[in-house]
Amino acid sequence: MPCYRCGARQTDPVRGASPWRRGVRRETQVLVCPDCQRLHDLDLDTCAGCGSAALIRRLGEVECRACGAVRIAEAGAPAASGSPPGLSAEVAAALDRVLGRT
């Protein structure tokens, strides 16, 4: 999944914690790259209880990692952001290279 702001793709991490940050934006889980994290206006959803932007979305729920509050995700909201544009073409090209197709 690429960064939702700039489209940068996450590379294989070195040992230790990933510098990428997860968040929820418009009821969809997103990733934020280290460069975009420096921006002050990430436009991420925040917890209604404590105001933290440290939210994760899973199985129809949104959980605050700061205070532990869990709420049901809004009805009709997507469960995932879907494939980024061009990803299917990249995967097809990689399969063609690996399988020796031309």
C-alpha atoms as a PDB file:
ATOM      1  CA  MET A   1       0.000   0.000   0.000  1.00  0.00           C
ATOM      2  CA  PRO A   2       1.496   3.369  -0.951  1.00  0.00           C
ATOM      3  CA  CYS A   3       1.497   6.577   1.063  1.00  0.00           C
ATOM      4  CA  TYR A   4      -1.956   8.109   0.716  1.00  0.00           C
ATOM      5  CA  ARG A   5      -0.534  11.642   0.269  1.00  0.00           C
ATOM      6  CA  CYS A   6       2.379  11.278  -2.154  1.00  0.00           C
ATOM      7  CA  GLY A   7       2.004   7.727  -3.509  1.00  0.00           C
ATOM      8  CA  ALA A   8       5.482   6.585  -2.419  1.00  0.00           C
ATOM      9  CA  ARG A   9       5.702   2.831  -2.022  1.00  0.00           C
ATOM     10  CA  GLN A  10       6.983   1.241   1.152  1.00  0.00           C
ATOM     11  CA  THR A  11      10.219  -0.693   0.660  1.00  0.00           C
ATOM     12  CA  ASP A  12      11.508  -3.652   2.623  1.00  0.00           C
ATOM     13  CA  PRO A  13      12.225  -2.351   6.104  1.00  0.00           C
ATOM     14  CA  VAL A  14      15.547  -2.538   7.846  1.00  0.00           C
ATOM     15  CA  ARG A  15      15.613  -4.115  11.283  1.00  0.00           C
ATOM     16  CA  GLY A  16      13.585  -2.341  13.907  1.00  0.00           C
ATOM     17  CA  ALA A  17      10.365  -0.430  13.845  1.00  0.00           C
ATOM     18  CA  SER A  18       9.065   0.868  10.529  1.00  0.00           C
ATOM     19  CA  PRO A  19       9.221   4.638  10.079  1.00  0.00           C
ATOM     20  CA  TRP A  20       5.884   4.485   8.231  1.00  0.00           C
ATOM     21  CA  ARG A  21       2.753   5.379  10.190  1.00  0.00           C
ATOM     22  CA  ARG A  22      -0.723   3.876   9.964  1.00  0.00           C
ATOM     23  CA  GLY A  23      -3.812   6.004  10.255  1.00  0.00           C
ATOM     24  CA  VAL A  24      -7.468   6.185   9.322  1.00  0.00           C
ATOM     25  CA  ARG A  25      -8.781   8.707   6.829  1.00  0.00           C
ATOM     26  CA  ARG A  26     -12.459   8.830   5.903  1.00  0.00           C
ATOM     27  CA  GLU A  27     -12.988   5.402   7.504  1.00  0.00           C
ATOM     28  CA  THR A  28     -10.187   3.826   5.422  1.00  0.00           C
ATOM     29  CA  GLN A  29      -6.850   2.579   6.778  1.00  0.00           C
ATOM     30  CA  VAL A  30      -3.946   4.418   5.139  1.00  0.00           C
ATOM     31  CA  LEU A  31      -0.148   4.546   5.383  1.00  0.00           C
ATOM     32  CA  VAL A  32       1.848   7.754   5.734  1.00  0.00           C
ATOM     33  CA  CYS A  33       5.485   7.831   4.609  1.00  0.00           C
ATOM     34  CA  PRO A  34       8.178   9.427   6.803  1.00  0.00           C
ATOM     35  CA  ASP A  35       8.435  12.497   4.517  1.00  0.00           C
ATOM     36  CA  CYS A  36       4.697  13.228   4.638  1.00  0.00           C
ATOM     37  CA  GLN A  37       4.638  12.728   8.422  1.00  0.00           C
ATOM     38  CA  ARG A  38       6.574  15.977   8.730  1.00  0.00           C
ATOM     39  CA  LEU A  39       3.526  17.864   7.419  1.00  0.00           C
ATOM     40  CA  HIS A  40       1.299  19.263  10.116  1.00  0.00           C
ATOM     41  CA  ASP A  41      -2.002  18.731   8.279  1.00  0.00           C
ATOM     42  CA  LEU A  42      -2.229  15.017   7.494  1.00  0.00           C
ATOM     43  CA  ASP A  43      -6.053  15.166   7.355  1.00  0.00           C
ATOM     44  CA  LEU A  44      -6.418  11.933   9.358  1.00  0.00           C
ATOM     45  CA  ASP A  45      -9.499  10.991  11.374  1.00  0.00           C
ATOM     46  CA  THR A  46      -9.161  11.469  15.131  1.00  0.00           C
ATOM     47  CA  CYS A  47     -10.588   9.733  18.182  1.00  0.00           C
ATOM     48  CA  ALA A  48     -13.792  11.327  19.476  1.00  0.00           C
ATOM     49  CA  GLY A  49     -12.713  10.545  23.047  1.00  0.00           C
ATOM     50  CA  CYS A  50      -9.108  11.699  23.276  1.00  0.00           C
ATOM     51  CA  GLY A  51      -8.437  13.471  19.960  1.00  0.00           C
ATOM     52  CA  SER A  52      -5.544  11.185  18.979  1.00  0.00           C
ATOM     53  CA  ALA A  53      -4.924  10.373  15.314  1.00  0.00           C
ATOM     54  CA  ALA A  54      -3.453   6.964  16.272  1.00  0.00           C
ATOM     55  CA  LEU A  55      -6.373   4.988  14.831  1.00  0.00           C
ATOM     56  CA  ILE A  56      -6.475   1.622  13.105  1.00  0.00           C
ATOM     57  CA  ARG A  57      -9.317   0.059  11.156  1.00  0.00           C
ATOM     58  CA  ARG A  58     -10.070  -3.640  11.149  1.00  0.00           C
ATOM     59  CA  LEU A  59     -13.116  -5.820  10.549  1.00  0.00           C
ATOM     60  CA  GLY A  60     -15.631  -3.007  10.559  1.00  0.00           C
ATOM     61  CA  GLU A  61     -14.221  -1.330  13.661  1.00  0.00           C
ATOM     62  CA  VAL A  62     -11.999   1.675  14.271  1.00  0.00           C
ATOM     63  CA  GLU A  63      -9.780   1.483  17.360  1.00  0.00           C
ATOM     64  CA  CYS A  64      -7.819   4.256  19.031  1.00  0.00           C
ATOM     65  CA  ARG A  65      -4.327   3.058  19.899  1.00  0.00           C
ATOM     66  CA  ALA A  66      -3.918   5.861  22.433  1.00  0.00           C
ATOM     67  CA  CYS A  67      -6.957   5.337  24.687  1.00  0.00           C
ATOM     68  CA  GLY A  68      -8.291   1.964  23.485  1.00  0.00           C
ATOM     69  CA  ALA A  69     -11.719   3.259  22.457  1.00  0.00           C
ATOM     70  CA  VAL A  70     -13.388   1.090  19.830  1.00  0.00           C
ATOM     71  CA  ARG A  71     -16.283   2.137  17.637  1.00  0.00           C
ATOM     72  CA  ILE A  72     -18.167   0.589  14.759  1.00  0.00           C
ATOM     73  CA  ALA A  73     -17.035   1.998  11.415  1.00  0.00           C
ATOM     74  CA  GLU A  74     -19.590   4.097   9.582  1.00  0.00           C
ATOM     75  CA  ALA A  75     -22.045   2.095   7.465  1.00  0.00           C
ATOM     76  CA  GLY A  76     -21.234   2.070   3.787  1.00  0.00           C
ATOM     77  CA  ALA A  77     -17.613   3.051   4.323  1.00  0.00           C
ATOM     78  CA  PRO A  78     -15.060   0.910   2.476  1.00  0.00           C
ATOM     79  CA  ALA A  79     -13.184  -1.696   4.503  1.00  0.00           C
ATOM     80  CA  ALA A  80      -9.962  -1.018   2.648  1.00  0.00           C
ATOM     81  CA  SER A  81      -8.686   1.570   0.236  1.00  0.00           C
ATOM     82  CA  GLY A  82      -8.416  -0.974  -2.571  1.00  0.00           C
ATOM     83  CA  SER A  83      -5.548  -1.345  -4.961  1.00  0.00           C
ATOM     84  CA  PRO A  84      -3.714   1.823  -5.839  1.00  0.00           C
ATOM     85  CA  PRO A  85      -3.840   2.846  -9.485  1.00  0.00           C
ATOM     86  CA  GLY A  86      -1.346   0.953 -11.585  1.00  0.00           C
ATOM     87  CA  LEU A  87      -0.635  -1.764  -9.041  1.00  0.00           C
ATOM     88  CA  SER A  88      -2.314  -4.509 -11.082  1.00  0.00           C
ATOM     89  CA  ALA A  89      -0.197  -3.549 -14.108  1.00  0.00           C
ATOM     90  CA  GLU A  90       2.968  -3.677 -11.977  1.00  0.00           C
ATOM     91  CA  VAL A  91       2.046  -7.116 -10.650  1.00  0.00           C
ATOM     92  CA  ALA A  92       1.277  -8.399 -14.148  1.00  0.00           C
ATOM     93  CA  ALA A  93       4.634  -7.122 -15.441  1.00  0.00           C
ATOM     94  CA  ALA A  94       6.477  -8.735 -12.517  1.00  0.00           C
ATOM     95  CA  LEU A  95       4.739 -12.075 -13.148  1.00  0.00           C
ATOM     96  CA  ASP A  96       5.628 -11.881 -16.817  1.00  0.00           C
ATOM     97  CA  ARG A  97       9.292 -11.298 -15.944  1.00  0.00           C
ATOM     98  CA  VAL A  98       9.404 -14.143 -13.414  1.00  0.00           C
ATOM     99  CA  LEU A  99       7.563 -16.587 -15.643  1.00  0.00           C
ATOM    100  CA  GLY A 100       9.562 -15.640 -18.730  1.00  0.00           C
ATOM    101  CA  ARG A 101       6.567 -14.343 -20.686  1.00  0.00           C
ATOM    102  CA  THR A 102       7.117 -11.651 -23.285  1.00  0.00           C
END
